[in-house]
Amino acid sequence: MRAVSVQRLDRGALLETAEPFRLQLVPRVKGRALAISSGKLWIYGMPAPRWLGPAIKAKLSEGPDDVSWQVSVWIGHPWLGGFCEYEGVMRPE
């Protein structure tokens, strides 16, 4: 099974859709980093309470050289806690 998601910008936020879910990801500048957190949630196109979906916290900052960036991501659930976390350095191919 292959997971497919589509991202698009909408009024300063990123909307990620993986049917039947759509999640708003809200960026904020924190110092010299970009922090991203989960916002609104839709299921089958209808607004849903945030506690039904995932909680996402991410941070992107400068990498060790001019063409890389450091990324740190935490994914969990508001009631159940974290279930995925990763970090590392990303570079374009």
PDB file of N, CA and C in Angstrom:
ATOM      1  N   MET A   1       0.847  -1.177   0.000  1.00  0.00           N
ATOM      2  CA  MET A   1       0.000   0.000   0.000  1.00  0.00           C
ATOM      3  C   MET A   1       0.892   1.239   0.000  1.00  0.00           C
ATOM      4  N   ARG A   2       0.557   2.198  -0.810  1.00  0.00           N
ATOM      5  CA  ARG A   2       1.335   3.423  -0.933  1.00  0.00           C
ATOM      6  C   ARG A   2       0.530   4.599  -0.399  1.00  0.00           C
ATOM      7  N   ALA A   3       1.138   5.369   0.497  1.00  0.00           N
ATOM      8  CA  ALA A   3       0.487   6.559   1.041  1.00  0.00           C
ATOM      9  C   ALA A   3       0.786   7.752   0.132  1.00  0.00           C
ATOM     10  N   VAL A   4      -0.232   8.516  -0.171  1.00  0.00           N
ATOM     11  CA  VAL A   4      -0.084   9.687  -1.036  1.00  0.00           C
ATOM     12  C   VAL A   4      -0.678  10.888  -0.324  1.00  0.00           C
ATOM     13  N   SER A   5       0.076  11.985  -0.298  1.00  0.00           N
ATOM     14  CA  SER A   5      -0.463  13.218   0.242  1.00  0.00           C
ATOM     15  C   SER A   5      -0.137  14.351  -0.718  1.00  0.00           C
ATOM     16  N   VAL A   6      -0.978  15.367  -0.681  1.00  0.00           N
ATOM     17  CA  VAL A   6      -0.826  16.539  -1.543  1.00  0.00           C
ATOM     18  C   VAL A   6      -0.773  17.757  -0.639  1.00  0.00           C
ATOM     19  N   GLN A   7       0.188  18.648  -0.892  1.00  0.00           N
ATOM     20  CA  GLN A   7       0.309  19.872  -0.108  1.00  0.00           C
ATOM     21  C   GLN A   7       0.028  21.079  -0.992  1.00  0.00           C
ATOM     22  N   ARG A   8      -0.577  22.096  -0.372  1.00  0.00           N
ATOM     23  CA  ARG A   8      -0.779  23.368  -1.065  1.00  0.00           C
ATOM     24  C   ARG A   8      -0.803  24.490  -0.041  1.00  0.00           C
ATOM     25  N   LEU A   9      -0.455  25.686  -0.495  1.00  0.00           N
ATOM     26  CA  LEU A   9      -0.490  26.857   0.377  1.00  0.00           C
ATOM     27  C   LEU A   9      -1.890  27.445   0.407  1.00  0.00           C
ATOM     28  N   ASP A  10      -2.305  27.900   1.573  1.00  0.00           N
ATOM     29  CA  ASP A  10      -3.608  28.533   1.726  1.00  0.00           C
ATOM     30  C   ASP A  10      -3.515  29.585   2.820  1.00  0.00           C
ATOM     31  N   ARG A  11      -3.515  30.860   2.437  1.00  0.00           N
ATOM     32  CA  ARG A  11      -3.493  31.986   3.375  1.00  0.00           C
ATOM     33  C   ARG A  11      -2.390  31.875   4.422  1.00  0.00           C
ATOM     34  N   GLY A  12      -1.182  31.603   3.985  1.00  0.00           N
ATOM     35  CA  GLY A  12      -0.043  31.571   4.892  1.00  0.00           C
ATOM     36  C   GLY A  12       0.159  30.268   5.621  1.00  0.00           C
ATOM     37  N   ALA A  13      -0.684  29.274   5.374  1.00  0.00           N
ATOM     38  CA  ALA A  13      -0.536  27.964   6.008  1.00  0.00           C
ATOM     39  C   ALA A  13      -0.405  26.901   4.916  1.00  0.00           C
ATOM     40  N   LEU A  14       0.117  25.763   5.288  1.00  0.00           N
ATOM     41  CA  LEU A  14       0.236  24.631   4.387  1.00  0.00           C
ATOM     42  C   LEU A  14      -0.906  23.666   4.691  1.00  0.00           C
ATOM     43  N   LEU A  15      -1.640  23.278   3.674  1.00  0.00           N
ATOM     44  CA  LEU A  15      -2.689  22.273   3.841  1.00  0.00           C
ATOM     45  C   LEU A  15      -2.171  20.970   3.262  1.00  0.00           C
ATOM     46  N   GLU A  16      -2.146  19.933   4.075  1.00  0.00           N
ATOM     47  CA  GLU A  16      -1.722  18.617   3.606  1.00  0.00           C
ATOM     48  C   GLU A  16      -2.940  17.712   3.585  1.00  0.00           C
ATOM     49  N   THR A  17      -3.188  17.120   2.420  1.00  0.00           N
ATOM     50  CA  THR A  17      -4.347  16.256   2.248  1.00  0.00           C
ATOM     51  C   THR A  17      -3.890  14.836   1.956  1.00  0.00           C
ATOM     52  N   ALA A  18      -4.372  13.914   2.756  1.00  0.00           N
ATOM     53  CA  ALA A  18      -4.210  12.481   2.539  1.00  0.00           C
ATOM     54  C   ALA A  18      -5.602  11.915   2.800  1.00  0.00           C
ATOM     55  N   GLU A  19      -6.382  11.789   1.741  1.00  0.00           N
ATOM     56  CA  GLU A  19      -7.798  11.439   1.876  1.00  0.00           C
ATOM     57  C   GLU A  19      -8.009  10.281   2.833  1.00  0.00           C
ATOM     58  N   PRO A  20      -8.963  10.408   3.716  1.00  0.00           N
ATOM     59  CA  PRO A  20     -10.024  11.417   3.797  1.00  0.00           C
ATOM     60  C   PRO A  20      -9.672  12.612   4.686  1.00  0.00           C
ATOM     61  N   PHE A  21      -8.399  12.751   5.063  1.00  0.00           N
ATOM     62  CA  PHE A  21      -7.995  13.791   6.017  1.00  0.00           C
ATOM     63  C   PHE A  21      -7.345  14.984   5.328  1.00  0.00           C
ATOM     64  N   ARG A  22      -7.562  16.166   5.901  1.00  0.00           N
ATOM     65  CA  ARG A  22      -6.834  17.378   5.506  1.00  0.00           C
ATOM     66  C   ARG A  22      -6.404  18.055   6.795  1.00  0.00           C
ATOM     67  N   LEU A  23      -5.124  18.395   6.866  1.00  0.00           N
ATOM     68  CA  LEU A  23      -4.562  18.994   8.072  1.00  0.00           C
ATOM     69  C   LEU A  23      -3.879  20.309   7.721  1.00  0.00           C
ATOM     70  N   GLN A  24      -4.157  21.324   8.512  1.00  0.00           N
ATOM     71  CA  GLN A  24      -3.514  22.626   8.349  1.00  0.00           C
ATOM     72  C   GLN A  24      -2.217  22.621   9.162  1.00  0.00           C
ATOM     73  N   LEU A  25      -1.129  23.014   8.526  1.00  0.00           N
ATOM     74  CA  LEU A  25       0.165  23.150   9.197  1.00  0.00           C
ATOM     75  C   LEU A  25       0.514  24.626   9.226  1.00  0.00           C
ATOM     76  N   VAL A  26       0.705  25.167  10.421  1.00  0.00           N
ATOM     77  CA  VAL A  26       0.871  26.605  10.616  1.00  0.00           C
ATOM     78  C   VAL A  26       2.342  26.929  10.886  1.00  0.00           C
ATOM     79  N   PRO A  27       2.986  27.729  10.002  1.00  0.00           N
ATOM     80  CA  PRO A  27       4.384  28.106  10.221  1.00  0.00           C
ATOM     81  C   PRO A  27       4.507  29.373  11.068  1.00  0.00           C
ATOM     82  N   ARG A  28       5.544  29.415  11.891  1.00  0.00           N
ATOM     83  CA  ARG A  28       5.861  30.602  12.693  1.00  0.00           C
ATOM     84  C   ARG A  28       7.377  30.755  12.744  1.00  0.00           C
ATOM     85  N   VAL A  29       7.839  31.986  12.668  1.00  0.00           N
ATOM     86  CA  VAL A  29       9.269  32.246  12.798  1.00  0.00           C
ATOM     87  C   VAL A  29       9.609  32.322  14.281  1.00  0.00           C
ATOM     88  N   LYS A  30      10.617  31.542  14.686  1.00  0.00           N
ATOM     89  CA  LYS A  30      11.102  31.562  16.076  1.00  0.00           C
ATOM     90  C   LYS A  30      12.606  31.753  16.021  1.00  0.00           C
ATOM     91  N   GLY A  31      13.029  32.987  16.283  1.00  0.00           N
ATOM     92  CA  GLY A  31      14.452  33.289  16.176  1.00  0.00           C
ATOM     93  C   GLY A  31      14.929  33.106  14.744  1.00  0.00           C
ATOM     94  N   ARG A  32      15.915  32.238  14.552  1.00  0.00           N
ATOM     95  CA  ARG A  32      16.442  31.963  13.209  1.00  0.00           C
ATOM     96  C   ARG A  32      15.897  30.648  12.652  1.00  0.00           C
ATOM     97  N   ALA A  33      14.809  30.153  13.232  1.00  0.00           N
ATOM     98  CA  ALA A  33      14.230  28.880  12.807  1.00  0.00           C
ATOM     99  C   ALA A  33      12.775  29.071  12.393  1.00  0.00           C
ATOM    100  N   LEU A  34      12.257  28.082  11.679  1.00  0.00           N
ATOM    101  CA  LEU A  34      10.857  28.048  11.300  1.00  0.00           C
ATOM    102  C   LEU A  34      10.198  26.917  12.092  1.00  0.00           C
ATOM    103  N   ALA A  35       9.212  27.260  12.909  1.00  0.00           N
ATOM    104  CA  ALA A  35       8.470  26.262  13.689  1.00  0.00           C
ATOM    105  C   ALA A  35       7.144  26.006  12.990  1.00  0.00           C
ATOM    106  N   ILE A  36       6.757  24.741  12.902  1.00  0.00           N
ATOM    107  CA  ILE A  36       5.507  24.364  12.235  1.00  0.00           C
ATOM    108  C   ILE A  36       4.704  23.506  13.207  1.00  0.00           C
ATOM    109  N   SER A  37       3.425  23.843  13.361  1.00  0.00           N
ATOM    110  CA  SER A  37       2.564  23.052  14.244  1.00  0.00           C
ATOM    111  C   SER A  37       1.239  22.771  13.544  1.00  0.00           C
ATOM    112  N   SER A  38       0.564  21.724  14.001  1.00  0.00           N
ATOM    113  CA  SER A  38      -0.716  21.363  13.399  1.00  0.00           C
ATOM    114  C   SER A  38      -1.788  22.358  13.817  1.00  0.00           C
ATOM    115  N   GLY A  39      -2.713  22.589  12.903  1.00  0.00           N
ATOM    116  CA  GLY A  39      -3.817  23.509  13.149  1.00  0.00           C
ATOM    117  C   GLY A  39      -5.143  22.811  12.947  1.00  0.00           C
ATOM    118  N   LYS A  40      -5.956  23.347  12.070  1.00  0.00           N
ATOM    119  CA  LYS A  40      -7.299  22.805  11.839  1.00  0.00           C
ATOM    120  C   LYS A  40      -7.242  21.426  11.179  1.00  0.00           C
ATOM    121  N   LEU A  41      -8.320  20.684  11.350  1.00  0.00           N
ATOM    122  CA  LEU A  41      -8.444  19.337  10.801  1.00  0.00           C
ATOM    123  C   LEU A  41      -9.791  19.204  10.103  1.00  0.00           C
ATOM    124  N   TRP A  42      -9.783  18.539   8.943  1.00  0.00           N
ATOM    125  CA  TRP A  42     -11.011  18.202   8.240  1.00  0.00           C
ATOM    126  C   TRP A  42     -11.001  16.706   7.945  1.00  0.00           C
ATOM    127  N   ILE A  43     -12.148  16.075   8.062  1.00  0.00           N
ATOM    128  CA  ILE A  43     -12.298  14.674   7.694  1.00  0.00           C
ATOM    129  C   ILE A  43     -13.454  14.604   6.697  1.00  0.00           C
ATOM    130  N   TYR A  44     -13.198  14.040   5.524  1.00  0.00           N
ATOM    131  CA  TYR A  44     -14.172  14.014   4.434  1.00  0.00           C
ATOM    132  C   TYR A  44     -14.701  15.417   4.138  1.00  0.00           C
ATOM    133  N   GLY A  45     -13.815  16.416   4.212  1.00  0.00           N
ATOM    134  CA  GLY A  45     -14.175  17.796   3.888  1.00  0.00           C
ATOM    135  C   GLY A  45     -14.937  18.542   4.964  1.00  0.00           C
ATOM    136  N   MET A  46     -15.218  17.889   6.085  1.00  0.00           N
ATOM    137  CA  MET A  46     -15.962  18.548   7.164  1.00  0.00           C
ATOM    138  C   MET A  46     -15.033  18.884   8.325  1.00  0.00           C
ATOM    139  N   PRO A  47     -15.154  20.079   8.913  1.00  0.00           N
ATOM    140  CA  PRO A  47     -14.317  20.422  10.071  1.00  0.00           C
ATOM    141  C   PRO A  47     -14.473  19.396  11.188  1.00  0.00           C
ATOM    142  N   ALA A  48     -13.353  19.051  11.809  1.00  0.00           N
ATOM    143  CA  ALA A  48     -13.359  18.053  12.880  1.00  0.00           C
ATOM    144  C   ALA A  48     -12.580  18.601  14.076  1.00  0.00           C
ATOM    145  N   PRO A  49     -12.891  18.135  15.276  1.00  0.00           N
ATOM    146  CA  PRO A  49     -12.128  18.564  16.458  1.00  0.00           C
ATOM    147  C   PRO A  49     -10.661  18.155  16.328  1.00  0.00           C
ATOM    148  N   ARG A  50      -9.762  19.020  16.754  1.00  0.00           N
ATOM    149  CA  ARG A  50      -8.327  18.748  16.624  1.00  0.00           C
ATOM    150  C   ARG A  50      -7.902  17.488  17.359  1.00  0.00           C
ATOM    151  N   TRP A  51      -8.604  17.107  18.432  1.00  0.00           N
ATOM    152  CA  TRP A  51      -8.194  15.930  19.193  1.00  0.00           C
ATOM    153  C   TRP A  51      -8.410  14.625  18.430  1.00  0.00           C
ATOM    154  N   LEU A  52      -9.160  14.674  17.314  1.00  0.00           N
ATOM    155  CA  LEU A  52      -9.340  13.476  16.497  1.00  0.00           C
ATOM    156  C   LEU A  52      -8.128  13.182  15.622  1.00  0.00           C
ATOM    157  N   GLY A  53      -7.336  14.193  15.338  1.00  0.00           N
ATOM    158  CA  GLY A  53      -6.215  14.026  14.417  1.00  0.00           C
ATOM    159  C   GLY A  53      -4.868  14.066  15.105  1.00  0.00           C
ATOM    160  N   PRO A  54      -3.810  14.043  14.299  1.00  0.00           N
ATOM    161  CA  PRO A  54      -2.466  14.054  14.860  1.00  0.00           C
ATOM    162  C   PRO A  54      -2.069  15.441  15.360  1.00  0.00           C
ATOM    163  N   ALA A  55      -1.136  15.444  16.282  1.00  0.00           N
ATOM    164  CA  ALA A  55      -0.481  16.682  16.717  1.00  0.00           C
ATOM    165  C   ALA A  55       0.914  16.653  16.103  1.00  0.00           C
ATOM    166  N   ILE A  56       1.288  17.727  15.436  1.00  0.00           N
ATOM    167  CA  ILE A  56       2.581  17.785  14.765  1.00  0.00           C
ATOM    168  C   ILE A  56       3.332  19.011  15.231  1.00  0.00           C
ATOM    169  N   LYS A  57       4.599  18.815  15.572  1.00  0.00           N
ATOM    170  CA  LYS A  57       5.494  19.916  15.922  1.00  0.00           C
ATOM    171  C   LYS A  57       6.787  19.691  15.146  1.00  0.00           C
ATOM    172  N   ALA A  58       7.171  20.687  14.367  1.00  0.00           N
ATOM    173  CA  ALA A  58       8.391  20.573  13.567  1.00  0.00           C
ATOM    174  C   ALA A  58       9.199  21.856  13.681  1.00  0.00           C
ATOM    175  N   LYS A  59      10.492  21.725  13.480  1.00  0.00           N
ATOM    176  CA  LYS A  59      11.378  22.879  13.499  1.00  0.00           C
ATOM    177  C   LYS A  59      12.403  22.712  12.388  1.00  0.00           C
ATOM    178  N   LEU A  60      12.563  23.756  11.584  1.00  0.00           N
ATOM    179  CA  LEU A  60      13.569  23.780  10.524  1.00  0.00           C
ATOM    180  C   LEU A  60      14.504  24.944  10.798  1.00  0.00           C
ATOM    181  N   SER A  61      15.794  24.669  10.712  1.00  0.00           N
ATOM    182  CA  SER A  61      16.779  25.716  10.958  1.00  0.00           C
ATOM    183  C   SER A  61      17.986  25.502  10.049  1.00  0.00           C
ATOM    184  N   GLU A  62      18.945  26.417  10.148  1.00  0.00           N
ATOM    185  CA  GLU A  62      20.142  26.344   9.317  1.00  0.00           C
ATOM    186  C   GLU A  62      20.877  25.028   9.515  1.00  0.00           C
ATOM    187  N   GLY A  63      21.423  24.522   8.410  1.00  0.00           N
ATOM    188  CA  GLY A  63      22.230  23.313   8.483  1.00  0.00           C
ATOM    189  C   GLY A  63      23.699  23.656   8.641  1.00  0.00           C
ATOM    190  N   PRO A  64      24.543  22.627   8.609  1.00  0.00           N
ATOM    191  CA  PRO A  64      25.967  22.848   8.807  1.00  0.00           C
ATOM    192  C   PRO A  64      26.666  23.543   7.639  1.00  0.00           C
ATOM    193  N   ASP A  65      26.009  23.619   6.467  1.00  0.00           N
ATOM    194  CA  ASP A  65      26.613  24.320   5.328  1.00  0.00           C
ATOM    195  C   ASP A  65      25.537  25.142   4.613  1.00  0.00           C
ATOM    196  N   ASP A  66      25.929  25.799   3.518  1.00  0.00           N
ATOM    197  CA  ASP A  66      25.030  26.736   2.833  1.00  0.00           C
ATOM    198  C   ASP A  66      23.873  26.078   2.084  1.00  0.00           C
ATOM    199  N   VAL A  67      23.929  24.775   1.850  1.00  0.00           N
ATOM    200  CA  VAL A  67      22.884  24.121   1.059  1.00  0.00           C
ATOM    201  C   VAL A  67      22.099  23.074   1.856  1.00  0.00           C
ATOM    202  N   SER A  68      22.171  23.127   3.169  1.00  0.00           N
ATOM    203  CA  SER A  68      21.464  22.135   3.974  1.00  0.00           C
ATOM    204  C   SER A  68      20.634  22.819   5.059  1.00  0.00           C
ATOM    205  N   TRP A  69      19.752  22.041   5.665  1.00  0.00           N
ATOM    206  CA  TRP A  69      18.961  22.540   6.781  1.00  0.00           C
ATOM    207  C   TRP A  69      18.761  21.416   7.781  1.00  0.00           C
ATOM    208  N   GLN A  70      18.615  21.826   9.034  1.00  0.00           N
ATOM    209  CA  GLN A  70      18.388  20.899  10.133  1.00  0.00           C
ATOM    210  C   GLN A  70      16.877  20.769  10.326  1.00  0.00           C
ATOM    211  N   VAL A  71      16.388  19.550  10.483  1.00  0.00           N
ATOM    212  CA  VAL A  71      14.955  19.339  10.675  1.00  0.00           C
ATOM    213  C   VAL A  71      14.729  18.465  11.908  1.00  0.00           C
ATOM    214  N   SER A  72      13.696  18.795  12.645  1.00  0.00           N
ATOM    215  CA  SER A  72      13.285  18.019  13.817  1.00  0.00           C
ATOM    216  C   SER A  72      11.762  17.937  13.786  1.00  0.00           C
ATOM    217  N   VAL A  73      11.210  16.720  13.830  1.00  0.00           N
ATOM    218  CA  VAL A  73       9.765  16.528  13.708  1.00  0.00           C
ATOM    219  C   VAL A  73       9.272  15.595  14.812  1.00  0.00           C
ATOM    220  N   TRP A  74       8.154  15.967  15.434  1.00  0.00           N
ATOM    221  CA  TRP A  74       7.474  15.130  16.425  1.00  0.00           C
ATOM    222  C   TRP A  74       6.026  14.972  15.976  1.00  0.00           C
ATOM    223  N   ILE A  75       5.550  13.731  15.925  1.00  0.00           N
ATOM    224  CA  ILE A  75       4.170  13.451  15.547  1.00  0.00           C
ATOM    225  C   ILE A  75       3.547  12.593  16.639  1.00  0.00           C
ATOM    226  N   GLY A  76       2.378  12.991  17.075  1.00  0.00           N
ATOM    227  CA  GLY A  76       1.700  12.247  18.121  1.00  0.00           C
ATOM    228  C   GLY A  76       0.216  12.513  18.106  1.00  0.00           C
ATOM    229  N   HIS A  77      -0.394  12.277  19.233  1.00  0.00           N
ATOM    230  CA  HIS A  77      -1.820  12.501  19.396  1.00  0.00           C
ATOM    231  C   HIS A  77      -2.024  13.288  20.694  1.00  0.00           C
ATOM    232  N   PRO A  78      -2.952  14.240  20.696  1.00  0.00           N
ATOM    233  CA  PRO A  78      -3.145  15.063  21.904  1.00  0.00           C
ATOM    234  C   PRO A  78      -3.395  14.255  23.185  1.00  0.00           C
ATOM    235  N   TRP A  79      -4.037  13.110  23.082  1.00  0.00           N
ATOM    236  CA  TRP A  79      -4.332  12.306  24.275  1.00  0.00           C
ATOM    237  C   TRP A  79      -3.381  11.133  24.452  1.00  0.00           C
ATOM    238  N   LEU A  80      -2.900  10.570  23.351  1.00  0.00           N
ATOM    239  CA  LEU A  80      -2.109   9.341  23.413  1.00  0.00           C
ATOM    240  C   LEU A  80      -0.599   9.579  23.458  1.00  0.00           C
ATOM    241  N   GLY A  81      -0.174  10.802  23.204  1.00  0.00           N
ATOM    242  CA  GLY A  81       1.254  11.116  23.236  1.00  0.00           C
ATOM    243  C   GLY A  81       1.941  10.850  21.904  1.00  0.00           C
ATOM    244  N   GLY A  82       3.275  10.901  21.925  1.00  0.00           N
ATOM    245  CA  GLY A  82       4.056  10.773  20.707  1.00  0.00           C
ATOM    246  C   GLY A  82       4.138   9.352  20.184  1.00  0.00           C
ATOM    247  N   PHE A  83       4.173   9.224  18.843  1.00  0.00           N
ATOM    248  CA  PHE A  83       4.374   7.908  18.251  1.00  0.00           C
ATOM    249  C   PHE A  83       5.394   7.913  17.127  1.00  0.00           C
ATOM    250  N   CYS A  84       5.924   9.080  16.770  1.00  0.00           N
ATOM    251  CA  CYS A  84       6.965   9.159  15.746  1.00  0.00           C
ATOM    252  C   CYS A  84       7.767  10.435  15.972  1.00  0.00           C
ATOM    253  N   GLU A  85       9.074  10.307  15.902  1.00  0.00           N
ATOM    254  CA  GLU A  85       9.946  11.466  16.083  1.00  0.00           C
ATOM    255  C   GLU A  85      11.206  11.231  15.263  1.00  0.00           C
ATOM    256  N   TYR A  86      11.647  12.251  14.557  1.00  0.00           N
ATOM    257  CA  TYR A  86      12.892  12.120  13.810  1.00  0.00           C
ATOM    258  C   TYR A  86      13.565  13.472  13.671  1.00  0.00           C
ATOM    259  N   GLU A  87      14.864  13.432  13.446  1.00  0.00           N
ATOM    260  CA  GLU A  87      15.620  14.657  13.206  1.00  0.00           C
ATOM    261  C   GLU A  87      16.839  14.323  12.376  1.00  0.00           C
ATOM    262  N   GLY A  88      17.361  15.340  11.713  1.00  0.00           N
ATOM    263  CA  GLY A  88      18.542  15.129  10.901  1.00  0.00           C
ATOM    264  C   GLY A  88      18.822  16.325  10.019  1.00  0.00           C
ATOM    265  N   VAL A  89      19.802  16.157   9.167  1.00  0.00           N
ATOM    266  CA  VAL A  89      20.209  17.192   8.228  1.00  0.00           C
ATOM    267  C   VAL A  89      19.699  16.804   6.847  1.00  0.00           C
ATOM    268  N   MET A  90      19.078  17.767   6.145  1.00  0.00           N
ATOM    269  CA  MET A  90      18.567  17.517   4.795  1.00  0.00           C
ATOM    270  C   MET A  90      19.365  18.337   3.807  1.00  0.00           C
ATOM    271  N   ARG A  91      19.590  17.710   2.643  1.00  0.00           N
ATOM    272  CA  ARG A  91      20.302  18.374   1.541  1.00  0.00           C
ATOM    273  C   ARG A  91      19.551  18.081   0.235  1.00  0.00           C
ATOM    274  N   PRO A  92      19.537  19.043  -0.684  1.00  0.00           N
ATOM    275  CA  PRO A  92      18.888  18.777  -1.978  1.00  0.00           C
ATOM    276  C   PRO A  92      19.733  17.780  -2.781  1.00  0.00           C
ATOM    277  N   GLU A  93      19.058  16.999  -3.606  1.00  0.00           N
ATOM    278  CA  GLU A  93      19.786  16.038  -4.466  1.00  0.00           C
ATOM    279  C   GLU A  93      20.132  16.671  -5.787  1.00  0.00           C
TER     280      GLU A  93
END
